[in-house]
Amino acid sequence: MSIAMTVLALVTGLLAGAFFRLLQVPIPAPPNLAGILGIVGLFLGYQLVDHFDVGVDLLGALGFR
């Protein structure tokens, strides 16, 4: 992922957040730091498992594939 794409994503998020606040509607994200860190933890866990190339084909193990 490039730096430009990361900055664009951040700017888009900031603009969307400002727009939600301007319209006085709740944001579709956790409203506190603990919720945000939970999302970051999910992402990092996913990346960690992907990096070490481990995992289980759950659907295959249950016979759905």
C-alpha atoms as a PDB file:
ATOM      1  CA  MET A   1       0.000   0.000   0.000  1.00  0.00           C
ATOM      2  CA  SER A   2       1.384   3.371  -0.953  1.00  0.00           C
ATOM      3  CA  ILE A   3       1.698   6.422   1.271  1.00  0.00           C
ATOM      4  CA  ALA A   4      -0.549   8.377  -1.100  1.00  0.00           C
ATOM      5  CA  MET A   5      -3.322   5.783  -0.746  1.00  0.00           C
ATOM      6  CA  THR A   6      -2.967   5.848   3.049  1.00  0.00           C
ATOM      7  CA  VAL A   7      -3.174   9.649   3.158  1.00  0.00           C
ATOM      8  CA  LEU A   8      -6.161   9.607   0.799  1.00  0.00           C
ATOM      9  CA  ALA A   9      -7.929   7.093   3.069  1.00  0.00           C
ATOM     10  CA  LEU A  10      -7.227   9.272   6.119  1.00  0.00           C
ATOM     11  CA  VAL A  11      -8.488  12.430   4.409  1.00  0.00           C
ATOM     12  CA  THR A  12     -11.598  10.602   3.183  1.00  0.00           C
ATOM     13  CA  GLY A  13     -12.277   9.366   6.714  1.00  0.00           C
ATOM     14  CA  LEU A  14     -11.811  12.840   8.172  1.00  0.00           C
ATOM     15  CA  LEU A  15     -14.190  14.352   5.622  1.00  0.00           C
ATOM     16  CA  ALA A  16     -16.778  11.623   6.171  1.00  0.00           C
ATOM     17  CA  GLY A  17     -16.533  12.070   9.956  1.00  0.00           C
ATOM     18  CA  ALA A  18     -16.961  15.825   9.620  1.00  0.00           C
ATOM     19  CA  PHE A  19     -19.948  15.287   7.325  1.00  0.00           C
ATOM     20  CA  PHE A  20     -21.615  12.929   9.829  1.00  0.00           C
ATOM     21  CA  ARG A  21     -21.051  15.457  12.628  1.00  0.00           C
ATOM     22  CA  LEU A  22     -22.318  18.310  10.457  1.00  0.00           C
ATOM     23  CA  LEU A  23     -25.542  16.385   9.839  1.00  0.00           C
ATOM     24  CA  GLN A  24     -25.664  15.428  13.547  1.00  0.00           C
ATOM     25  CA  VAL A  25     -25.995  11.700  12.874  1.00  0.00           C
ATOM     26  CA  PRO A  26     -24.038   9.016  14.747  1.00  0.00           C
ATOM     27  CA  ILE A  27     -20.895   7.724  13.089  1.00  0.00           C
ATOM     28  CA  PRO A  28     -20.830   4.093  11.916  1.00  0.00           C
ATOM     29  CA  ALA A  29     -17.788   3.385  14.102  1.00  0.00           C
ATOM     30  CA  PRO A  30     -17.050   2.887  17.785  1.00  0.00           C
ATOM     31  CA  PRO A  31     -17.388   6.226  19.587  1.00  0.00           C
ATOM     32  CA  ASN A  32     -14.450   5.681  21.942  1.00  0.00           C
ATOM     33  CA  LEU A  33     -10.783   4.694  21.936  1.00  0.00           C
ATOM     34  CA  ALA A  34     -11.425   1.171  23.264  1.00  0.00           C
ATOM     35  CA  GLY A  35     -13.672   0.409  20.291  1.00  0.00           C
ATOM     36  CA  ILE A  36     -11.135   1.776  17.833  1.00  0.00           C
ATOM     37  CA  LEU A  37      -8.365  -0.292  19.421  1.00  0.00           C
ATOM     38  CA  GLY A  38     -10.595  -3.361  19.139  1.00  0.00           C
ATOM     39  CA  ILE A  39     -10.853  -2.800  15.396  1.00  0.00           C
ATOM     40  CA  VAL A  40      -7.085  -2.266  15.153  1.00  0.00           C
ATOM     41  CA  GLY A  41      -6.579  -5.500  17.109  1.00  0.00           C
ATOM     42  CA  LEU A  42      -8.814  -7.410  14.693  1.00  0.00           C
ATOM     43  CA  PHE A  43      -6.838  -6.078  11.758  1.00  0.00           C
ATOM     44  CA  LEU A  44      -3.461  -6.838  13.332  1.00  0.00           C
ATOM     45  CA  GLY A  45      -4.548 -10.364  14.285  1.00  0.00           C
ATOM     46  CA  TYR A  46      -5.703 -11.021  10.729  1.00  0.00           C
ATOM     47  CA  GLN A  47      -2.419  -9.697   9.317  1.00  0.00           C
ATOM     48  CA  LEU A  48      -0.385 -11.766  11.793  1.00  0.00           C
ATOM     49  CA  VAL A  49      -2.104 -15.029  10.837  1.00  0.00           C
ATOM     50  CA  ASP A  50      -1.798 -14.120   7.148  1.00  0.00           C
ATOM     51  CA  HIS A  51       1.914 -13.335   7.559  1.00  0.00           C
ATOM     52  CA  PHE A  52       2.667 -16.733   9.092  1.00  0.00           C
ATOM     53  CA  ASP A  53       0.390 -18.461   6.544  1.00  0.00           C
ATOM     54  CA  VAL A  54      -1.520 -20.467   9.114  1.00  0.00           C
ATOM     55  CA  GLY A  55      -5.216 -21.082   9.246  1.00  0.00           C
ATOM     56  CA  VAL A  56      -7.990 -23.604   8.993  1.00  0.00           C
ATOM     57  CA  ASP A  57     -10.475 -23.963   6.151  1.00  0.00           C
ATOM     58  CA  LEU A  58     -13.500 -23.985   8.444  1.00  0.00           C
ATOM     59  CA  LEU A  59     -16.059 -24.453   5.676  1.00  0.00           C
ATOM     60  CA  GLY A  60     -14.030 -27.332   4.255  1.00  0.00           C
ATOM     61  CA  ALA A  61     -13.649 -28.934   7.678  1.00  0.00           C
ATOM     62  CA  LEU A  62     -17.418 -28.760   8.169  1.00  0.00           C
ATOM     63  CA  GLY A  63     -18.018 -30.315   4.734  1.00  0.00           C
ATOM     64  CA  PHE A  64     -19.479 -27.249   3.009  1.00  0.00           C
ATOM     65  CA  ARG A  65     -16.854 -27.217   0.237  1.00  0.00           C
END
